[in-house]
Amino acid sequence: RFRARTRMFTHLATITAYLVFPSWSALMRTLITGVPPPQPP
């Protein structure tokens, strides 16, 4: 259980280093589905 939590925070740190999320909902949607949010023009 502890490793799963650590892995989740590692993924969170990695994904937020490369993508900008307009909201927490968009971030959670990306983590669940694997589809990144649309990028602004």
PDB file of N, CA and C in Angstrom:
ATOM      1  N   ARG A   1       0.835  -1.185   0.000  1.00  0.00           N
ATOM      2  CA  ARG A   1       0.000   0.000   0.000  1.00  0.00           C
ATOM      3  C   ARG A   1       0.881   1.250   0.000  1.00  0.00           C
ATOM      4  N   PHE A   2       1.916   1.259   0.793  1.00  0.00           N
ATOM      5  CA  PHE A   2       2.789   2.433   0.860  1.00  0.00           C
ATOM      6  C   PHE A   2       3.472   2.679  -0.477  1.00  0.00           C
ATOM      7  N   ARG A   3       3.868   1.600  -1.156  1.00  0.00           N
ATOM      8  CA  ARG A   3       4.533   1.749  -2.453  1.00  0.00           C
ATOM      9  C   ARG A   3       3.590   2.327  -3.498  1.00  0.00           C
ATOM     10  N   ALA A   4       2.332   1.940  -3.449  1.00  0.00           N
ATOM     11  CA  ALA A   4       1.354   2.472  -4.405  1.00  0.00           C
ATOM     12  C   ALA A   4       1.191   3.972  -4.213  1.00  0.00           C
ATOM     13  N   ARG A   5       1.169   4.419  -2.976  1.00  0.00           N
ATOM     14  CA  ARG A   5       1.035   5.847  -2.695  1.00  0.00           C
ATOM     15  C   ARG A   5       2.280   6.594  -3.164  1.00  0.00           C
ATOM     16  N   THR A   6       3.438   6.040  -2.906  1.00  0.00           N
ATOM     17  CA  THR A   6       4.689   6.662  -3.347  1.00  0.00           C
ATOM     18  C   THR A   6       4.735   6.748  -4.862  1.00  0.00           C
ATOM     19  N   ARG A   7       4.316   5.688  -5.520  1.00  0.00           N
ATOM     20  CA  ARG A   7       4.300   5.664  -6.987  1.00  0.00           C
ATOM     21  C   ARG A   7       3.342   6.725  -7.538  1.00  0.00           C
ATOM     22  N   MET A   8       2.179   6.897  -6.896  1.00  0.00           N
ATOM     23  CA  MET A   8       1.214   7.899  -7.338  1.00  0.00           C
ATOM     24  C   MET A   8       1.821   9.293  -7.253  1.00  0.00           C
ATOM     25  N   PHE A   9       2.507   9.606  -6.161  1.00  0.00           N
ATOM     26  CA  PHE A   9       3.115  10.925  -6.022  1.00  0.00           C
ATOM     27  C   PHE A   9       4.286  11.109  -6.984  1.00  0.00           C
ATOM     28  N   THR A  10       4.985  10.044  -7.309  1.00  0.00           N
ATOM     29  CA  THR A  10       6.050  10.123  -8.312  1.00  0.00           C
ATOM     30  C   THR A  10       5.460  10.448  -9.673  1.00  0.00           C
ATOM     31  N   HIS A  11       4.368   9.785 -10.030  1.00  0.00           N
ATOM     32  CA  HIS A  11       3.690  10.078 -11.299  1.00  0.00           C
ATOM     33  C   HIS A  11       3.177  11.516 -11.316  1.00  0.00           C
ATOM     34  N   LEU A  12       2.625  11.950 -10.212  1.00  0.00           N
ATOM     35  CA  LEU A  12       2.107  13.312 -10.108  1.00  0.00           C
ATOM     36  C   LEU A  12       3.220  14.332 -10.323  1.00  0.00           C
ATOM     37  N   ALA A  13       4.361  14.128  -9.712  1.00  0.00           N
ATOM     38  CA  ALA A  13       5.493  15.042  -9.878  1.00  0.00           C
ATOM     39  C   ALA A  13       6.001  15.038 -11.313  1.00  0.00           C
ATOM     40  N   THR A  14       6.040  13.876 -11.927  1.00  0.00           N
ATOM     41  CA  THR A  14       6.527  13.774 -13.302  1.00  0.00           C
ATOM     42  C   THR A  14       5.593  14.464 -14.274  1.00  0.00           C
ATOM     43  N   ILE A  15       4.318  14.189 -14.170  1.00  0.00           N
ATOM     44  CA  ILE A  15       3.367  14.737 -15.137  1.00  0.00           C
ATOM     45  C   ILE A  15       3.232  16.254 -15.001  1.00  0.00           C
ATOM     46  N   THR A  16       3.305  16.780 -13.790  1.00  0.00           N
ATOM     47  CA  THR A  16       3.173  18.229 -13.624  1.00  0.00           C
ATOM     48  C   THR A  16       4.452  18.964 -14.016  1.00  0.00           C
ATOM     49  N   ALA A  17       5.541  18.251 -14.186  1.00  0.00           N
ATOM     50  CA  ALA A  17       6.779  18.888 -14.655  1.00  0.00           C
ATOM     51  C   ALA A  17       6.714  19.179 -16.150  1.00  0.00           C
ATOM     52  N   TYR A  18       5.882  18.449 -16.884  1.00  0.00           N
ATOM     53  CA  TYR A  18       5.836  18.582 -18.340  1.00  0.00           C
ATOM     54  C   TYR A  18       4.542  19.155 -18.887  1.00  0.00           C
ATOM     55  N   LEU A  19       3.461  19.118 -18.130  1.00  0.00           N
ATOM     56  CA  LEU A  19       2.173  19.613 -18.608  1.00  0.00           C
ATOM     57  C   LEU A  19       1.603  20.639 -17.646  1.00  0.00           C
ATOM     58  N   VAL A  20       0.859  21.605 -18.193  1.00  0.00           N
ATOM     59  CA  VAL A  20       0.163  22.601 -17.376  1.00  0.00           C
ATOM     60  C   VAL A  20      -1.313  22.219 -17.357  1.00  0.00           C
ATOM     61  N   PHE A  21      -1.875  22.133 -16.172  1.00  0.00           N
ATOM     62  CA  PHE A  21      -3.274  21.747 -16.022  1.00  0.00           C
ATOM     63  C   PHE A  21      -4.088  22.947 -15.564  1.00  0.00           C
ATOM     64  N   PRO A  22      -5.224  23.203 -16.228  1.00  0.00           N
ATOM     65  CA  PRO A  22      -6.046  24.356 -15.863  1.00  0.00           C
ATOM     66  C   PRO A  22      -6.785  24.175 -14.538  1.00  0.00           C
ATOM     67  N   SER A  23      -6.923  22.930 -14.086  1.00  0.00           N
ATOM     68  CA  SER A  23      -7.652  22.681 -12.837  1.00  0.00           C
ATOM     69  C   SER A  23      -7.258  21.317 -12.274  1.00  0.00           C
ATOM     70  N   TRP A  24      -7.649  21.093 -11.015  1.00  0.00           N
ATOM     71  CA  TRP A  24      -7.410  19.790 -10.402  1.00  0.00           C
ATOM     72  C   TRP A  24      -8.197  18.713 -11.131  1.00  0.00           C
ATOM     73  N   SER A  25      -9.397  19.080 -11.599  1.00  0.00           N
ATOM     74  CA  SER A  25     -10.222  18.107 -12.327  1.00  0.00           C
ATOM     75  C   SER A  25      -9.518  17.627 -13.585  1.00  0.00           C
ATOM     76  N   ALA A  26      -8.902  18.551 -14.305  1.00  0.00           N
ATOM     77  CA  ALA A  26      -8.175  18.182 -15.523  1.00  0.00           C
ATOM     78  C   ALA A  26      -6.981  17.290 -15.184  1.00  0.00           C
ATOM     79  N   LEU A  27      -6.305  17.590 -14.100  1.00  0.00           N
ATOM     80  CA  LEU A  27      -5.172  16.764 -13.669  1.00  0.00           C
ATOM     81  C   LEU A  27      -5.639  15.354 -13.316  1.00  0.00           C
ATOM     82  N   MET A  28      -6.694  15.249 -12.524  1.00  0.00           N
ATOM     83  CA  MET A  28      -7.203  13.936 -12.132  1.00  0.00           C
ATOM     84  C   MET A  28      -7.704  13.161 -13.349  1.00  0.00           C
ATOM     85  N   ARG A  29      -8.367  13.844 -14.279  1.00  0.00           N
ATOM     86  CA  ARG A  29      -8.856  13.182 -15.490  1.00  0.00           C
ATOM     87  C   ARG A  29      -7.689  12.604 -16.283  1.00  0.00           C
ATOM     88  N   THR A  30      -6.597  13.353 -16.369  1.00  0.00           N
ATOM     89  CA  THR A  30      -5.420  12.873 -17.090  1.00  0.00           C
ATOM     90  C   THR A  30      -4.795  11.673 -16.387  1.00  0.00           C
ATOM     91  N   LEU A  31      -4.717  11.712 -15.074  1.00  0.00           N
ATOM     92  CA  LEU A  31      -4.153  10.581 -14.332  1.00  0.00           C
ATOM     93  C   LEU A  31      -5.002   9.322 -14.492  1.00  0.00           C
ATOM     94  N   ILE A  32      -6.317   9.494 -14.557  1.00  0.00           N
ATOM     95  CA  ILE A  32      -7.213   8.345 -14.666  1.00  0.00           C
ATOM     96  C   ILE A  32      -7.244   7.789 -16.085  1.00  0.00           C
ATOM     97  N   THR A  33      -7.338   8.681 -17.079  1.00  0.00           N
ATOM     98  CA  THR A  33      -7.523   8.229 -18.463  1.00  0.00           C
ATOM     99  C   THR A  33      -6.234   8.120 -19.258  1.00  0.00           C
ATOM    100  N   GLY A  34      -5.216   8.878 -18.866  1.00  0.00           N
ATOM    101  CA  GLY A  34      -3.971   8.884 -19.625  1.00  0.00           C
ATOM    102  C   GLY A  34      -3.992   9.837 -20.802  1.00  0.00           C
ATOM    103  N   VAL A  35      -5.083  10.588 -20.953  1.00  0.00           N
ATOM    104  CA  VAL A  35      -5.208  11.545 -22.054  1.00  0.00           C
ATOM    105  C   VAL A  35      -4.847  12.932 -21.529  1.00  0.00           C
ATOM    106  N   PRO A  36      -3.820  13.584 -22.096  1.00  0.00           N
ATOM    107  CA  PRO A  36      -3.422  14.902 -21.608  1.00  0.00           C
ATOM    108  C   PRO A  36      -4.465  15.966 -21.936  1.00  0.00           C
ATOM    109  N   PRO A  37      -4.471  17.051 -21.169  1.00  0.00           N
ATOM    110  CA  PRO A  37      -5.430  18.122 -21.427  1.00  0.00           C
ATOM    111  C   PRO A  37      -5.068  18.864 -22.709  1.00  0.00           C
ATOM    112  N   PRO A  38      -6.056  19.510 -23.336  1.00  0.00           N
ATOM    113  CA  PRO A  38      -5.722  20.305 -24.520  1.00  0.00           C
ATOM    114  C   PRO A  38      -4.832  21.479 -24.123  1.00  0.00           C
ATOM    115  N   GLN A  39      -3.853  21.773 -24.947  1.00  0.00           N
ATOM    116  CA  GLN A  39      -2.937  22.874 -24.665  1.00  0.00           C
ATOM    117  C   GLN A  39      -3.469  24.164 -25.276  1.00  0.00           C
ATOM    118  N   PRO A  40      -3.308  25.283 -24.580  1.00  0.00           N
ATOM    119  CA  PRO A  40      -3.775  26.559 -25.126  1.00  0.00           C
ATOM    120  C   PRO A  40      -2.963  26.940 -26.364  1.00  0.00           C
ATOM    121  N   PRO A  41      -3.568  27.723 -27.255  1.00  0.00           N
ATOM    122  CA  PRO A  41      -2.842  28.120 -28.482  1.00  0.00           C
ATOM    123  C   PRO A  41      -1.666  29.026 -28.217  1.00  0.00           C
TER     124      PRO A  41
END
